[in-house]
């Protein structure tokens, strides 16, 4: 699935991933391939993704909104 993490200043991350884990405001949650559509708020913390090579990467954010739809994840980060 494709993920894009953007802030008002720049794109923080973009690429194909097999897993994304978010610091949700009500607790952390994970998104895998073919996840149901959703919109959620995220708090300050690290977004962890597993890239195509199986390596995990982390992107620090101060909060924001995540939208999941048709194997595409868009994160509007603060």
PDB file of N, CA and C in Angstrom:
ATOM      1  N   UNK A   1       0.842  -1.172   0.000  1.00  0.00           N
ATOM      2  CA  UNK A   1       0.000   0.000   0.000  1.00  0.00           C
ATOM      3  C   UNK A   1       0.889   1.238   0.000  1.00  0.00           C
ATOM      4  N   UNK A   2       0.354   2.329  -0.417  1.00  0.00           N
ATOM      5  CA  UNK A   2       1.101   3.582  -0.550  1.00  0.00           C
ATOM      6  C   UNK A   2       0.813   4.489   0.642  1.00  0.00           C
ATOM      7  N   UNK A   3       1.854   5.118   1.173  1.00  0.00           N
ATOM      8  CA  UNK A   3       1.681   6.071   2.262  1.00  0.00           C
ATOM      9  C   UNK A   3       2.366   7.386   1.910  1.00  0.00           C
ATOM     10  N   UNK A   4       1.719   8.482   2.272  1.00  0.00           N
ATOM     11  CA  UNK A   4       2.307   9.816   2.160  1.00  0.00           C
ATOM     12  C   UNK A   4       2.108  10.520   3.494  1.00  0.00           C
ATOM     13  N   UNK A   5       3.198  11.032   4.049  1.00  0.00           N
ATOM     14  CA  UNK A   5       3.143  11.801   5.285  1.00  0.00           C
ATOM     15  C   UNK A   5       3.622  13.201   4.936  1.00  0.00           C
ATOM     16  N   UNK A   6       2.709  14.177   5.062  1.00  0.00           N
ATOM     17  CA  UNK A   6       3.041  15.549   4.688  1.00  0.00           C
ATOM     18  C   UNK A   6       2.776  16.497   5.847  1.00  0.00           C
ATOM     19  N   UNK A   7       3.616  17.520   5.933  1.00  0.00           N
ATOM     20  CA  UNK A   7       3.419  18.602   6.888  1.00  0.00           C
ATOM     21  C   UNK A   7       3.170  19.865   6.077  1.00  0.00           C
ATOM     22  N   UNK A   8       2.791  20.957   6.723  1.00  0.00           N
ATOM     23  CA  UNK A   8       2.608  22.198   5.966  1.00  0.00           C
ATOM     24  C   UNK A   8       3.882  22.653   5.234  1.00  0.00           C
ATOM     25  N   UNK A   9       5.053  22.274   5.749  1.00  0.00           N
ATOM     26  CA  UNK A   9       6.312  22.716   5.153  1.00  0.00           C
ATOM     27  C   UNK A   9       6.830  21.809   4.042  1.00  0.00           C
ATOM     28  N   UNK A  10       6.632  20.476   4.184  1.00  0.00           N
ATOM     29  CA  UNK A  10       7.237  19.559   3.214  1.00  0.00           C
ATOM     30  C   UNK A  10       6.663  18.154   3.342  1.00  0.00           C
ATOM     31  N   UNK A  11       7.038  17.324   2.393  1.00  0.00           N
ATOM     32  CA  UNK A  11       6.696  15.904   2.455  1.00  0.00           C
ATOM     33  C   UNK A  11       7.707  15.212   3.366  1.00  0.00           C
ATOM     34  N   UNK A  12       7.215  14.517   4.393  1.00  0.00           N
ATOM     35  CA  UNK A  12       8.098  13.869   5.355  1.00  0.00           C
ATOM     36  C   UNK A  12       8.460  12.442   4.952  1.00  0.00           C
ATOM     37  N   UNK A  13       7.542  11.763   4.259  1.00  0.00           N
ATOM     38  CA  UNK A  13       7.791  10.387   3.840  1.00  0.00           C
ATOM     39  C   UNK A  13       6.785  10.021   2.758  1.00  0.00           C
ATOM     40  N   UNK A  14       7.221   9.209   1.803  1.00  0.00           N
ATOM     41  CA  UNK A  14       6.327   8.674   0.782  1.00  0.00           C
ATOM     42  C   UNK A  14       6.917   7.363   0.294  1.00  0.00           C
ATOM     43  N   UNK A  15       6.053   6.371   0.101  1.00  0.00           N
ATOM     44  CA  UNK A  15       6.543   5.108  -0.415  1.00  0.00           C
ATOM     45  C   UNK A  15       5.547   3.982  -0.218  1.00  0.00           C
ATOM     46  N   UNK A  16       5.948   2.810  -0.681  1.00  0.00           N
ATOM     47  CA  UNK A  16       5.156   1.596  -0.532  1.00  0.00           C
ATOM     48  C   UNK A  16       5.530   0.936   0.788  1.00  0.00           C
ATOM     49  N   UNK A  17       4.519   0.546   1.561  1.00  0.00           N
ATOM     50  CA  UNK A  17       4.750  -0.091   2.854  1.00  0.00           C
ATOM     51  C   UNK A  17       3.806  -1.280   3.015  1.00  0.00           C
ATOM     52  N   UNK A  18       4.183  -2.201   3.892  1.00  0.00           N
ATOM     53  CA  UNK A  18       3.303  -3.334   4.197  1.00  0.00           C
ATOM     54  C   UNK A  18       2.579  -3.134   5.520  1.00  0.00           C
ATOM     55  N   UNK A  19       3.058  -2.181   6.339  1.00  0.00           N
ATOM     56  CA  UNK A  19       2.457  -1.911   7.639  1.00  0.00           C
ATOM     57  C   UNK A  19       2.763  -0.484   8.040  1.00  0.00           C
ATOM     58  N   UNK A  20       1.789   0.142   8.723  1.00  0.00           N
ATOM     59  CA  UNK A  20       1.997   1.465   9.303  1.00  0.00           C
ATOM     60  C   UNK A  20       1.353   1.474  10.678  1.00  0.00           C
ATOM     61  N   UNK A  21       2.091   1.968  11.668  1.00  0.00           N
ATOM     62  CA  UNK A  21       1.588   2.039  13.036  1.00  0.00           C
ATOM     63  C   UNK A  21       1.591   3.504  13.469  1.00  0.00           C
ATOM     64  N   UNK A  22       0.474   3.943  14.074  1.00  0.00           N
ATOM     65  CA  UNK A  22       0.267   5.347  14.388  1.00  0.00           C
ATOM     66  C   UNK A  22       0.037   5.572  15.878  1.00  0.00           C
ATOM     67  N   UNK A  23       0.476   6.736  16.402  1.00  0.00           N
ATOM     68  CA  UNK A  23       0.193   7.108  17.791  1.00  0.00           C
ATOM     69  C   UNK A  23      -1.170   7.796  17.880  1.00  0.00           C
ATOM     70  N   UNK A  24      -2.239   7.028  17.839  1.00  0.00           N
ATOM     71  CA  UNK A  24      -3.585   7.592  17.863  1.00  0.00           C
ATOM     72  C   UNK A  24      -3.867   8.345  19.148  1.00  0.00           C
ATOM     73  N   UNK A  25      -4.773   9.299  19.091  1.00  0.00           N
ATOM     74  CA  UNK A  25      -5.115  10.080  20.284  1.00  0.00           C
ATOM     75  C   UNK A  25      -5.839   9.227  21.321  1.00  0.00           C
ATOM     76  N   UNK A  26      -6.436   8.114  20.892  1.00  0.00           N
ATOM     77  CA  UNK A  26      -7.125   7.200  21.812  1.00  0.00           C
ATOM     78  C   UNK A  26      -6.325   5.912  21.999  1.00  0.00           C
ATOM     79  N   UNK A  27      -5.078   5.901  21.575  1.00  0.00           N
ATOM     80  CA  UNK A  27      -4.224   4.720  21.663  1.00  0.00           C
ATOM     81  C   UNK A  27      -3.652   4.388  20.302  1.00  0.00           C
ATOM     82  N   UNK A  28      -2.545   3.666  20.297  1.00  0.00           N
ATOM     83  CA  UNK A  28      -1.887   3.380  19.017  1.00  0.00           C
ATOM     84  C   UNK A  28      -2.718   2.384  18.204  1.00  0.00           C
ATOM     85  N   UNK A  29      -2.579   2.455  16.886  1.00  0.00           N
ATOM     86  CA  UNK A  29      -3.268   1.525  15.999  1.00  0.00           C
ATOM     87  C   UNK A  29      -2.396   1.248  14.792  1.00  0.00           C
ATOM     88  N   UNK A  30      -2.703   0.162  14.124  1.00  0.00           N
ATOM     89  CA  UNK A  30      -1.894  -0.313  12.996  1.00  0.00           C
ATOM     90  C   UNK A  30      -2.777  -0.493  11.773  1.00  0.00           C
ATOM     91  N   UNK A  31      -2.210  -0.231  10.601  1.00  0.00           N
ATOM     92  CA  UNK A  31      -2.917  -0.398   9.338  1.00  0.00           C
ATOM     93  C   UNK A  31      -2.114  -1.370   8.478  1.00  0.00           C
ATOM     94  N   UNK A  32      -2.803  -2.379   7.949  1.00  0.00           N
ATOM     95  CA  UNK A  32      -2.206  -3.357   7.038  1.00  0.00           C
ATOM     96  C   UNK A  32      -2.907  -3.270   5.691  1.00  0.00           C
ATOM     97  N   UNK A  33      -2.409  -4.002   4.705  1.00  0.00           N
ATOM     98  CA  UNK A  33      -3.037  -4.029   3.381  1.00  0.00           C
ATOM     99  C   UNK A  33      -4.524  -4.353   3.490  1.00  0.00           C
ATOM    100  N   UNK A  34      -5.318  -3.746   2.627  1.00  0.00           N
ATOM    101  CA  UNK A  34      -6.768  -3.962   2.534  1.00  0.00           C
ATOM    102  C   UNK A  34      -7.525  -3.570   3.796  1.00  0.00           C
ATOM    103  N   UNK A  35      -7.002  -2.608   4.541  1.00  0.00           N
ATOM    104  CA  UNK A  35      -7.692  -2.107   5.740  1.00  0.00           C
ATOM    105  C   UNK A  35      -8.969  -1.389   5.326  1.00  0.00           C
ATOM    106  N   UNK A  36      -9.965  -1.448   6.166  1.00  0.00           N
ATOM    107  CA  UNK A  36     -11.221  -0.729   5.909  1.00  0.00           C
ATOM    108  C   UNK A  36     -10.957   0.774   5.878  1.00  0.00           C
ATOM    109  N   UNK A  37     -11.731   1.514   5.088  1.00  0.00           N
ATOM    110  CA  UNK A  37     -11.568   2.970   5.055  1.00  0.00           C
ATOM    111  C   UNK A  37     -11.792   3.576   6.434  1.00  0.00           C
ATOM    112  N   UNK A  38     -10.990   4.580   6.767  1.00  0.00           N
ATOM    113  CA  UNK A  38     -11.125   5.237   8.069  1.00  0.00           C
ATOM    114  C   UNK A  38     -10.444   6.589   8.059  1.00  0.00           C
ATOM    115  N   UNK A  39     -10.849   7.425   9.003  1.00  0.00           N
ATOM    116  CA  UNK A  39     -10.193   8.697   9.286  1.00  0.00           C
ATOM    117  C   UNK A  39      -9.996   8.736  10.802  1.00  0.00           C
ATOM    118  N   UNK A  40      -8.791   9.103  11.243  1.00  0.00           N
ATOM    119  CA  UNK A  40      -8.502   9.140  12.675  1.00  0.00           C
ATOM    120  C   UNK A  40      -7.540  10.277  12.981  1.00  0.00           C
ATOM    121  N   UNK A  41      -7.549  10.714  14.229  1.00  0.00           N
ATOM    122  CA  UNK A  41      -6.588  11.718  14.677  1.00  0.00           C
ATOM    123  C   UNK A  41      -5.407  11.014  15.332  1.00  0.00           C
ATOM    124  N   UNK A  42      -4.244  11.627  15.189  1.00  0.00           N
ATOM    125  CA  UNK A  42      -3.049  11.075  15.812  1.00  0.00           C
ATOM    126  C   UNK A  42      -2.418  12.144  16.701  1.00  0.00           C
ATOM    127  N   UNK A  43      -1.758  11.680  17.747  1.00  0.00           N
ATOM    128  CA  UNK A  43      -1.083  12.583  18.667  1.00  0.00           C
ATOM    129  C   UNK A  43       0.398  12.656  18.361  1.00  0.00           C
ATOM    130  N   UNK A  44       1.115  13.330  19.222  1.00  0.00           N
ATOM    131  CA  UNK A  44       2.567  13.444  19.062  1.00  0.00           C
ATOM    132  C   UNK A  44       3.212  12.086  19.281  1.00  0.00           C
ATOM    133  N   UNK A  45       4.190  11.785  18.454  1.00  0.00           N
ATOM    134  CA  UNK A  45       4.899  10.521  18.574  1.00  0.00           C
ATOM    135  C   UNK A  45       5.470  10.083  17.248  1.00  0.00           C
ATOM    136  N   UNK A  46       5.801   8.804  17.171  1.00  0.00           N
ATOM    137  CA  UNK A  46       6.434   8.261  15.975  1.00  0.00           C
ATOM    138  C   UNK A  46       5.446   7.437  15.165  1.00  0.00           C
ATOM    139  N   UNK A  47       5.435   7.677  13.851  1.00  0.00           N
ATOM    140  CA  UNK A  47       4.732   6.809  12.919  1.00  0.00           C
ATOM    141  C   UNK A  47       5.762   5.781  12.465  1.00  0.00           C
ATOM    142  N   UNK A  48       5.459   4.512  12.665  1.00  0.00           N
ATOM    143  CA  UNK A  48       6.385   3.447  12.284  1.00  0.00           C
ATOM    144  C   UNK A  48       5.847   2.763  11.032  1.00  0.00           C
ATOM    145  N   UNK A  49       6.693   2.622  10.012  1.00  0.00           N
ATOM    146  CA  UNK A  49       6.303   1.946   8.779  1.00  0.00           C
ATOM    147  C   UNK A  49       7.294   0.825   8.478  1.00  0.00           C
ATOM    148  N   UNK A  50       6.777  -0.237   7.844  1.00  0.00           N
ATOM    149  CA  UNK A  50       7.634  -1.310   7.355  1.00  0.00           C
ATOM    150  C   UNK A  50       7.658  -1.187   5.834  1.00  0.00           C
ATOM    151  N   UNK A  51       8.833  -0.880   5.282  1.00  0.00           N
ATOM    152  CA  UNK A  51       8.940  -0.624   3.845  1.00  0.00           C
ATOM    153  C   UNK A  51       8.973  -1.930   3.046  1.00  0.00           C
ATOM    154  N   UNK A  52       9.092  -1.807   1.727  1.00  0.00           N
ATOM    155  CA  UNK A  52       9.064  -2.961   0.826  1.00  0.00           C
ATOM    156  C   UNK A  52      10.157  -3.981   1.128  1.00  0.00           C
ATOM    157  N   UNK A  53      11.276  -3.521   1.669  1.00  0.00           N
ATOM    158  CA  UNK A  53      12.404  -4.404   1.969  1.00  0.00           C
ATOM    159  C   UNK A  53      12.269  -5.081   3.326  1.00  0.00           C
ATOM    160  N   UNK A  54      11.203  -4.783   4.064  1.00  0.00           N
ATOM    161  CA  UNK A  54      11.007  -5.362   5.380  1.00  0.00           C
ATOM    162  C   UNK A  54      11.665  -4.574   6.495  1.00  0.00           C
ATOM    163  N   UNK A  55      12.314  -3.460   6.158  1.00  0.00           N
ATOM    164  CA  UNK A  55      12.954  -2.609   7.167  1.00  0.00           C
ATOM    165  C   UNK A  55      11.934  -1.654   7.768  1.00  0.00           C
ATOM    166  N   UNK A  56      12.064  -1.398   9.052  1.00  0.00           N
ATOM    167  CA  UNK A  56      11.163  -0.451   9.705  1.00  0.00           C
ATOM    168  C   UNK A  56      11.813   0.924   9.791  1.00  0.00           C
ATOM    169  N   UNK A  57      11.003   1.945   9.529  1.00  0.00           N
ATOM    170  CA  UNK A  57      11.441   3.331   9.597  1.00  0.00           C
ATOM    171  C   UNK A  57      10.453   4.089  10.473  1.00  0.00           C
ATOM    172  N   UNK A  58      10.917   5.171  11.092  1.00  0.00           N
ATOM    173  CA  UNK A  58      10.042   5.971  11.940  1.00  0.00           C
ATOM    174  C   UNK A  58      10.090   7.433  11.523  1.00  0.00           C
ATOM    175  N   UNK A  59       8.923   8.075  11.593  1.00  0.00           N
ATOM    176  CA  UNK A  59       8.787   9.495  11.290  1.00  0.00           C
ATOM    177  C   UNK A  59       8.122  10.150  12.494  1.00  0.00           C
ATOM    178  N   UNK A  60       8.787  11.119  13.102  1.00  0.00           N
ATOM    179  CA  UNK A  60       8.239  11.832  14.266  1.00  0.00           C
ATOM    180  C   UNK A  60       7.270  12.917  13.810  1.00  0.00           C
ATOM    181  N   UNK A  61       6.106  12.972  14.468  1.00  0.00           N
ATOM    182  CA  UNK A  61       5.114  14.011  14.183  1.00  0.00           C
ATOM    183  C   UNK A  61       4.608  14.599  15.501  1.00  0.00           C
ATOM    184  N   UNK A  62       3.986  15.761  15.412  1.00  0.00           N
ATOM    185  CA  UNK A  62       3.421  16.418  16.586  1.00  0.00           C
ATOM    186  C   UNK A  62       1.900  16.282  16.648  1.00  0.00           C
ATOM    187  N   UNK A  63       1.355  15.395  15.836  1.00  0.00           N
ATOM    188  CA  UNK A  63      -0.087  15.193  15.769  1.00  0.00           C
ATOM    189  C   UNK A  63      -0.559  15.336  14.339  1.00  0.00           C
ATOM    190  N   UNK A  64      -1.854  15.133  14.132  1.00  0.00           N
ATOM    191  CA  UNK A  64      -2.406  15.299  12.799  1.00  0.00           C
ATOM    192  C   UNK A  64      -3.601  14.401  12.550  1.00  0.00           C
ATOM    193  N   UNK A  65      -3.845  14.145  11.276  1.00  0.00           N
ATOM    194  CA  UNK A  65      -4.985  13.342  10.830  1.00  0.00           C
ATOM    195  C   UNK A  65      -4.479  12.306   9.834  1.00  0.00           C
ATOM    196  N   UNK A  66      -5.029  11.091   9.922  1.00  0.00           N
ATOM    197  CA  UNK A  66      -4.684  10.031   8.974  1.00  0.00           C
ATOM    198  C   UNK A  66      -5.963   9.568   8.278  1.00  0.00           C
ATOM    199  N   UNK A  67      -5.869   9.401   6.957  1.00  0.00           N
ATOM    200  CA  UNK A  67      -6.977   8.884   6.168  1.00  0.00           C
ATOM    201  C   UNK A  67      -6.505   7.621   5.461  1.00  0.00           C
ATOM    202  N   UNK A  68      -7.301   6.556   5.561  1.00  0.00           N
ATOM    203  CA  UNK A  68      -6.998   5.284   4.900  1.00  0.00           C
ATOM    204  C   UNK A  68      -8.130   4.991   3.928  1.00  0.00           C
ATOM    205  N   UNK A  69      -7.763   4.725   2.665  1.00  0.00           N
ATOM    206  CA  UNK A  69      -8.779   4.425   1.663  1.00  0.00           C
ATOM    207  C   UNK A  69      -8.141   3.713   0.487  1.00  0.00           C
ATOM    208  N   UNK A  70      -8.630   2.515   0.151  1.00  0.00           N
ATOM    209  CA  UNK A  70      -8.197   1.743  -1.023  1.00  0.00           C
ATOM    210  C   UNK A  70      -6.680   1.565  -1.068  1.00  0.00           C
ATOM    211  N   UNK A  71      -6.105   1.065   0.038  1.00  0.00           N
ATOM    212  CA  UNK A  71      -4.669   0.822   0.141  1.00  0.00           C
ATOM    213  C   UNK A  71      -3.820   2.084  -0.070  1.00  0.00           C
ATOM    214  N   UNK A  72      -4.390   3.227   0.255  1.00  0.00           N
ATOM    215  CA  UNK A  72      -3.637   4.492   0.251  1.00  0.00           C
ATOM    216  C   UNK A  72      -3.812   5.134   1.613  1.00  0.00           C
ATOM    217  N   UNK A  73      -2.701   5.591   2.178  1.00  0.00           N
ATOM    218  CA  UNK A  73      -2.728   6.258   3.473  1.00  0.00           C
ATOM    219  C   UNK A  73      -2.189   7.672   3.278  1.00  0.00           C
ATOM    220  N   UNK A  74      -2.954   8.639   3.718  1.00  0.00           N
ATOM    221  CA  UNK A  74      -2.530  10.034   3.677  1.00  0.00           C
ATOM    222  C   UNK A  74      -2.503  10.550   5.102  1.00  0.00           C
ATOM    223  N   UNK A  75      -1.355  11.075   5.516  1.00  0.00           N
ATOM    224  CA  UNK A  75      -1.195  11.653   6.846  1.00  0.00           C
ATOM    225  C   UNK A  75      -0.927  13.143   6.688  1.00  0.00           C
ATOM    226  N   UNK A  76      -1.803  13.961   7.292  1.00  0.00           N
ATOM    227  CA  UNK A  76      -1.595  15.404   7.346  1.00  0.00           C
ATOM    228  C   UNK A  76      -1.054  15.684   8.734  1.00  0.00           C
ATOM    229  N   UNK A  77       0.252  15.876   8.821  1.00  0.00           N
ATOM    230  CA  UNK A  77       0.935  15.991  10.114  1.00  0.00           C
ATOM    231  C   UNK A  77       1.161  17.444  10.499  1.00  0.00           C
ATOM    232  N   UNK A  78       1.204  17.668  11.797  1.00  0.00           N
ATOM    233  CA  UNK A  78       1.540  18.993  12.340  1.00  0.00           C
ATOM    234  C   UNK A  78       3.038  19.105  12.498  1.00  0.00           C
TER     235      UNK A  78
END
